[in-house]
């Protein structure tokens, strides 16, 4: 995989005509000066693109897709992207959001998982005229809010709008699900079962072996399948859910750190603190004060 280039929002900030919030959020509608990636690129962010005119052919995890007017494409963090062709008259609107930015706005850990499965299976969706209008309205409103650099709550306002936008997209995907769904591979089916299982039990069980036993697999077999399908190991998925829930409780509840430690079934507050700091680089107390 040495030929795959890693790109994040910090990398694309040097291009003109973009509005940013740190390295977490970018919004733009002019790609004339941006050399879209003609080589395999792992984008460490989620990207929403709505094609307004022209066409563009791209590969997402090596599968080719065509964007034409009215097509919305959503890519997820860590997917491998490559541009194949772009017409001279191609125009669209673009919203790029870091994984951390998304994690910070999810109301519950499980709520949007079905959407991410839909996106992985079907990254491109044809929009109805009213759906196109809705996405463009979100784009316009987001762009206006991101430009208000003196507003002390610019980031929080943007996060609220992004959460609403994801629900809007979830609604669109539910209305556009294909009547004939492609058959899942055995590994994809294992991954979905694993995600559902950890969504139910992550507060109590953090051992890969526990979930493997539940699915009548060895831990190694489960980890290999999960890594192949999602790019993350089984252990990384478990840790990401625990950390996401911990962050949500630290930011949006009045629970003490001891109570959060108990809620997530850590042996004691010290273990919880070390676990949280290992995965985030800061203590629970430091994160809460941010």
Protein backbone atom coordinates (compact mmCIF):
# COMPACT_ATOMS: atom_id res chain seq x y z
CA UNK A 1 0.00 0.00 0.00
CA UNK A 2 3.04 2.26 -0.28
CA UNK A 3 1.65 3.96 -3.39
CA UNK A 4 -1.46 5.24 -1.57
CA UNK A 5 -1.16 8.83 -0.43
CA UNK A 6 -2.83 9.92 2.81
CA UNK A 7 -4.67 13.24 2.64
CA UNK A 8 -6.60 15.13 5.32
CA UNK A 9 -8.20 18.56 5.61
CA UNK A 10 -4.90 20.12 6.68
CA UNK A 11 -3.45 19.01 3.32
CA UNK A 12 -6.10 20.74 1.19
CA UNK A 13 -6.20 23.99 3.18
CA UNK A 14 -3.59 25.55 0.89
CA UNK A 15 -6.06 25.68 -1.99
CA UNK A 16 -7.89 29.01 -2.53
CA UNK A 17 -11.64 29.69 -2.33
CA UNK A 18 -12.28 27.39 0.62
CA UNK A 19 -13.73 28.13 4.04
CA UNK A 20 -12.42 26.17 7.03
CA UNK A 21 -12.84 25.48 10.70
CA UNK A 22 -9.37 24.37 11.76
CA UNK A 23 -8.48 20.98 10.34
CA UNK A 24 -11.98 19.62 10.99
CA UNK A 25 -14.24 21.17 8.36
CA UNK A 26 -13.94 22.53 4.82
CA UNK A 27 -16.59 23.82 2.42
CA UNK A 28 -16.16 24.97 -1.19
CA UNK A 29 -17.77 25.01 -4.62
CA UNK A 30 -14.84 25.83 -6.92
CA UNK A 31 -12.59 22.90 -7.80
CA UNK A 32 -11.01 24.53 -10.84
CA UNK A 33 -7.73 25.05 -9.00
CA UNK A 34 -7.80 21.73 -7.18
CA UNK A 35 -6.10 18.79 -8.89
CA UNK A 36 -8.49 16.03 -7.85
CA UNK A 37 -6.52 12.93 -7.08
CA UNK A 38 -5.51 10.95 -10.14
CA UNK A 39 -3.68 8.49 -7.91
CA UNK A 40 -5.09 6.33 -5.09
CA UNK A 41 -5.59 8.58 -2.06
CA UNK A 42 -6.80 7.70 1.42
CA UNK A 43 -8.88 10.66 2.60
CA UNK A 44 -8.90 10.88 6.38
CA UNK A 45 -12.28 12.64 6.40
CA UNK A 46 -15.83 12.22 5.15
CA UNK A 47 -16.64 14.05 1.91
CA UNK A 48 -20.09 15.02 0.58
CA UNK A 49 -20.19 16.01 -3.10
CA UNK A 50 -23.28 17.07 -5.01
CA UNK A 51 -22.73 17.25 -8.77
CA UNK A 52 -24.57 20.21 -10.31
CA UNK A 53 -23.29 20.03 -13.87
CA UNK A 54 -21.00 17.96 -16.11
CA UNK A 55 -19.66 14.57 -15.08
CA UNK A 56 -16.84 12.96 -13.16
CA UNK A 57 -15.75 9.35 -12.83
CA UNK A 58 -14.16 8.30 -9.55
CA UNK A 59 -13.08 5.09 -7.85
CA UNK A 60 -14.05 4.48 -4.23
CA UNK A 61 -12.16 1.54 -2.73
CA UNK A 62 -11.31 0.53 -6.33
CA UNK A 63 -14.96 0.45 -7.51
CA UNK A 64 -15.80 2.95 -10.24
CA UNK A 65 -18.73 5.39 -9.96
CA UNK A 66 -19.99 8.14 -12.25
CA UNK A 67 -21.20 11.51 -11.01
CA UNK A 68 -23.67 13.39 -13.18
CA UNK A 69 -25.99 16.31 -12.41
CA UNK A 70 -28.15 15.48 -9.39
CA UNK A 71 -25.92 12.73 -8.01
CA UNK A 72 -24.83 12.94 -4.38
CA UNK A 73 -21.74 10.96 -3.41
CA UNK A 74 -20.74 10.42 0.21
CA UNK A 75 -17.37 8.94 1.12
CA UNK A 76 -16.32 7.83 4.59
CA UNK A 77 -13.03 8.37 6.44
CA UNK A 78 -10.21 6.01 5.44
CA UNK A 79 -11.76 5.06 2.09
CA UNK A 80 -9.41 5.07 -0.90
CA UNK A 81 -10.39 7.54 -3.63
CA UNK A 82 -9.12 8.09 -7.14
CA UNK A 83 -10.33 10.41 -9.89
CA UNK A 84 -10.53 8.73 -13.30
CA UNK A 85 -11.95 11.54 -15.43
CA UNK A 86 -13.56 14.96 -14.98
CA UNK A 87 -15.35 17.01 -17.65
CA UNK A 88 -14.32 20.64 -18.14
CA UNK A 89 -17.81 21.83 -17.18
CA UNK A 90 -17.98 19.75 -13.97
CA UNK A 91 -19.31 21.82 -11.07
CA UNK A 92 -20.58 20.85 -7.67
CA UNK A 93 -20.66 21.68 -3.97
CA UNK A 94 -18.29 20.02 -1.52
CA UNK A 95 -18.34 19.54 2.25
CA UNK A 96 -15.42 17.79 3.96
CA UNK A 97 -15.69 16.78 7.61
CA UNK A 98 -13.08 15.10 9.81
CA UNK A 99 -13.92 11.90 11.64
CA UNK A 100 -13.38 13.67 14.97
CA UNK A 101 -15.85 16.42 14.00
CA UNK A 102 -18.48 13.75 13.22
CA UNK A 103 -17.76 11.83 16.44
CA UNK A 104 -18.33 14.99 18.48
CA UNK A 105 -21.86 15.54 17.16
CA UNK A 106 -23.40 12.06 17.15
CA UNK A 107 -26.20 12.03 19.74
CA UNK A 108 -25.78 8.32 20.46
CA UNK A 109 -23.25 5.80 19.33
CA UNK A 110 -25.64 3.55 17.43
CA UNK A 111 -28.04 6.01 15.86
CA UNK A 112 -26.40 6.58 12.49
CA UNK A 113 -24.72 3.19 12.01
CA UNK A 114 -27.35 2.05 9.48
CA UNK A 115 -26.59 5.12 7.36
CA UNK A 116 -22.88 4.28 7.27
CA UNK A 117 -23.69 0.76 6.08
CA UNK A 118 -25.92 2.20 3.34
CA UNK A 119 -23.19 4.64 2.25
CA UNK A 120 -20.57 1.89 2.17
CA UNK A 121 -22.83 -0.25 -0.02
CA UNK A 122 -24.12 2.59 -2.21
CA UNK A 123 -21.94 5.75 -2.03
CA UNK A 124 -23.78 7.46 -4.92
CA UNK A 125 -27.47 8.29 -4.93
CA UNK A 126 -29.61 10.16 -7.50
CA UNK A 127 -31.51 13.01 -5.87
CA UNK A 128 -34.99 14.24 -6.64
CA UNK A 129 -35.25 18.00 -7.39
CA UNK A 130 -36.54 18.77 -3.88
CA UNK A 131 -33.71 16.72 -2.34
CA UNK A 132 -31.17 18.64 -4.41
CA UNK A 133 -32.70 21.89 -3.16
CA UNK A 134 -32.45 20.70 0.45
CA UNK A 135 -28.74 19.79 0.15
CA UNK A 136 -27.97 23.11 -1.56
CA UNK A 137 -29.82 24.99 1.19
CA UNK A 138 -27.70 23.23 3.83
CA UNK A 139 -24.58 24.03 1.82
CA UNK A 140 -25.50 27.71 1.55
CA UNK A 141 -26.36 28.01 5.24
CA UNK A 142 -23.20 26.19 6.32
CA UNK A 143 -21.05 28.40 4.12
CA UNK A 144 -22.56 31.55 5.63
CA UNK A 145 -22.05 30.32 9.19
CA UNK A 146 -18.47 29.18 8.63
CA UNK A 147 -17.58 32.66 7.33
CA UNK A 148 -18.66 34.25 10.65
CA UNK A 149 -15.19 33.98 12.19
CA UNK A 150 -16.02 36.39 15.03
CA UNK A 151 -18.90 34.22 16.26
CA UNK A 152 -17.64 32.40 19.38
CA UNK A 153 -20.03 29.50 18.67
CA UNK A 154 -19.18 29.10 14.98
CA UNK A 155 -17.92 25.54 15.47
CA UNK A 156 -20.91 24.44 17.58
CA UNK A 157 -23.39 25.97 15.10
CA UNK A 158 -21.64 24.17 12.24
CA UNK A 159 -21.68 20.88 14.13
CA UNK A 160 -25.42 21.23 14.74
CA UNK A 161 -26.03 21.85 11.04
CA UNK A 162 -23.83 18.89 10.08
CA UNK A 163 -25.83 16.62 12.39
CA UNK A 164 -29.06 17.84 10.73
CA UNK A 165 -27.50 17.31 7.31
CA UNK A 166 -26.60 13.70 8.16
CA UNK A 167 -30.20 13.04 9.18
CA UNK A 168 -31.37 14.63 5.93
CA UNK A 169 -29.03 12.33 4.00
CA UNK A 170 -30.23 9.34 6.07
CA UNK A 171 -33.79 10.15 5.01
CA UNK A 172 -32.72 10.42 1.36
CA UNK A 173 -30.91 7.07 1.50
CA UNK A 174 -33.91 5.35 3.09
CA UNK A 175 -36.05 6.60 0.21
CA UNK A 176 -33.52 5.50 -2.38
CA UNK A 177 -32.63 2.02 -1.16
CA UNK A 178 -32.45 -0.34 -4.15
CA UNK A 179 -35.25 -2.88 -4.38
CA UNK A 180 -32.69 -5.56 -5.19
CA UNK A 181 -29.76 -5.33 -2.79
CA UNK A 182 -26.47 -6.89 -3.71
CA UNK A 183 -25.63 -10.06 -1.87
CA UNK A 184 -23.30 -9.44 1.05
CA UNK A 185 -20.10 -11.43 1.24
CA UNK A 186 -19.67 -13.65 4.28
CA UNK A 187 -17.09 -11.22 5.69
CA UNK A 188 -19.42 -8.24 5.22
CA UNK A 189 -22.16 -10.15 7.00
CA UNK A 190 -19.77 -10.99 9.85
CA UNK A 191 -18.78 -7.32 10.12
CA UNK A 192 -22.39 -6.13 10.35
CA UNK A 193 -23.20 -8.77 12.98
CA UNK A 194 -20.09 -7.76 14.92
CA UNK A 195 -21.05 -4.05 14.85
CA UNK A 196 -24.59 -4.83 16.01
CA UNK A 197 -23.21 -7.02 18.77
CA UNK A 198 -20.74 -4.45 20.10
CA UNK A 199 -23.41 -1.72 19.84
CA UNK A 200 -25.45 -3.73 22.34
CA UNK A 201 -22.63 -4.73 24.70
CA UNK A 202 -19.67 -2.32 24.42
CA UNK A 203 -20.41 -0.73 27.81
CA UNK A 204 -19.83 -4.08 29.50
CA UNK A 205 -17.56 -6.10 27.19
CA UNK A 206 -14.38 -4.76 25.55
CA UNK A 207 -12.74 -8.07 24.69
CA UNK A 208 -12.51 -9.21 21.05
CA UNK A 209 -12.57 -12.79 22.33
CA UNK A 210 -15.99 -12.22 23.92
CA UNK A 211 -17.56 -11.15 20.61
CA UNK A 212 -15.73 -13.87 18.67
CA UNK A 213 -17.06 -16.54 21.08
CA UNK A 214 -20.56 -15.13 20.70
CA UNK A 215 -20.25 -15.50 16.92
CA UNK A 216 -18.61 -18.98 17.15
CA UNK A 217 -15.35 -17.69 15.66
CA UNK A 218 -11.77 -17.40 16.79
CA UNK A 219 -10.65 -13.90 17.75
CA UNK A 220 -8.08 -14.00 14.93
CA UNK A 221 -10.70 -14.95 12.30
CA UNK A 222 -13.05 -12.18 13.46
CA UNK A 223 -10.30 -9.54 13.54
CA UNK A 224 -9.05 -10.50 10.07
CA UNK A 225 -12.56 -10.30 8.55
CA UNK A 226 -13.38 -6.98 10.27
CA UNK A 227 -10.07 -5.43 9.19
CA UNK A 228 -10.56 -6.57 5.58
CA UNK A 229 -14.08 -5.14 5.33
CA UNK A 230 -13.68 -1.91 7.30
CA UNK A 231 -9.97 -1.06 7.43
CA UNK A 232 -10.09 -1.10 11.26
CA UNK A 233 -9.41 -4.01 13.59
CA UNK A 234 -12.13 -5.45 15.83
CA UNK A 235 -10.33 -3.99 18.85
CA UNK A 236 -10.23 -0.53 17.24
CA UNK A 237 -14.01 -0.68 16.61
CA UNK A 238 -14.67 -1.61 20.24
CA UNK A 239 -12.39 1.16 21.52
CA UNK A 240 -13.93 3.74 19.15
CA UNK A 241 -17.44 3.03 20.48
CA UNK A 242 -16.34 3.17 24.11
CA UNK A 243 -14.44 6.44 23.57
CA UNK A 244 -17.32 7.94 21.58
CA UNK A 245 -19.75 7.17 24.41
CA UNK A 246 -17.30 8.46 27.02
CA UNK A 247 -16.93 11.73 25.09
CA UNK A 248 -20.69 12.10 24.75
CA UNK A 249 -21.18 11.55 28.51
CA UNK A 250 -18.36 13.95 29.40
CA UNK A 251 -19.72 16.70 27.17
CA UNK A 252 -23.48 16.31 27.46
CA UNK A 253 -24.21 14.92 30.92
CA UNK A 254 -23.82 16.02 34.52
CA UNK A 255 -22.37 12.65 35.49
CA UNK A 256 -19.12 12.71 37.46
CA UNK A 257 -16.06 11.03 35.97
CA UNK A 258 -16.46 8.26 38.57
CA UNK A 259 -20.08 7.75 37.48
CA UNK A 260 -19.03 7.61 33.81
CA UNK A 261 -16.33 5.09 34.72
CA UNK A 262 -18.99 2.97 36.47
CA UNK A 263 -21.43 3.37 33.56
CA UNK A 264 -18.80 1.99 31.18
CA UNK A 265 -17.89 -0.81 33.60
CA UNK A 266 -14.25 0.09 34.21
CA UNK A 267 -12.69 -1.46 37.30
CA UNK A 268 -12.10 2.01 38.74
CA UNK A 269 -11.74 5.67 37.76
CA UNK A 270 -7.97 5.35 37.40
CA UNK A 271 -8.28 2.60 34.76
CA UNK A 272 -10.87 4.67 32.90
CA UNK A 273 -8.61 7.74 32.98
CA UNK A 274 -5.62 5.81 31.61
CA UNK A 275 -7.75 4.17 28.89
CA UNK A 276 -9.26 7.51 27.84
CA UNK A 277 -5.89 9.29 27.78
CA UNK A 278 -4.30 6.45 25.78
CA UNK A 279 -6.92 6.86 23.04
CA UNK A 280 -7.40 10.66 23.05
CA UNK A 281 -4.15 12.11 24.37
CA UNK A 282 -5.94 13.89 27.23
CA UNK A 283 -7.55 13.04 30.54
CA UNK A 284 -11.34 12.90 30.90
CA UNK A 285 -11.15 16.09 32.99
CA UNK A 286 -9.12 17.91 30.30
CA UNK A 287 -11.56 16.77 27.60
CA UNK A 288 -14.57 17.98 29.61
CA UNK A 289 -12.98 21.42 30.07
CA UNK A 290 -12.39 21.91 26.31
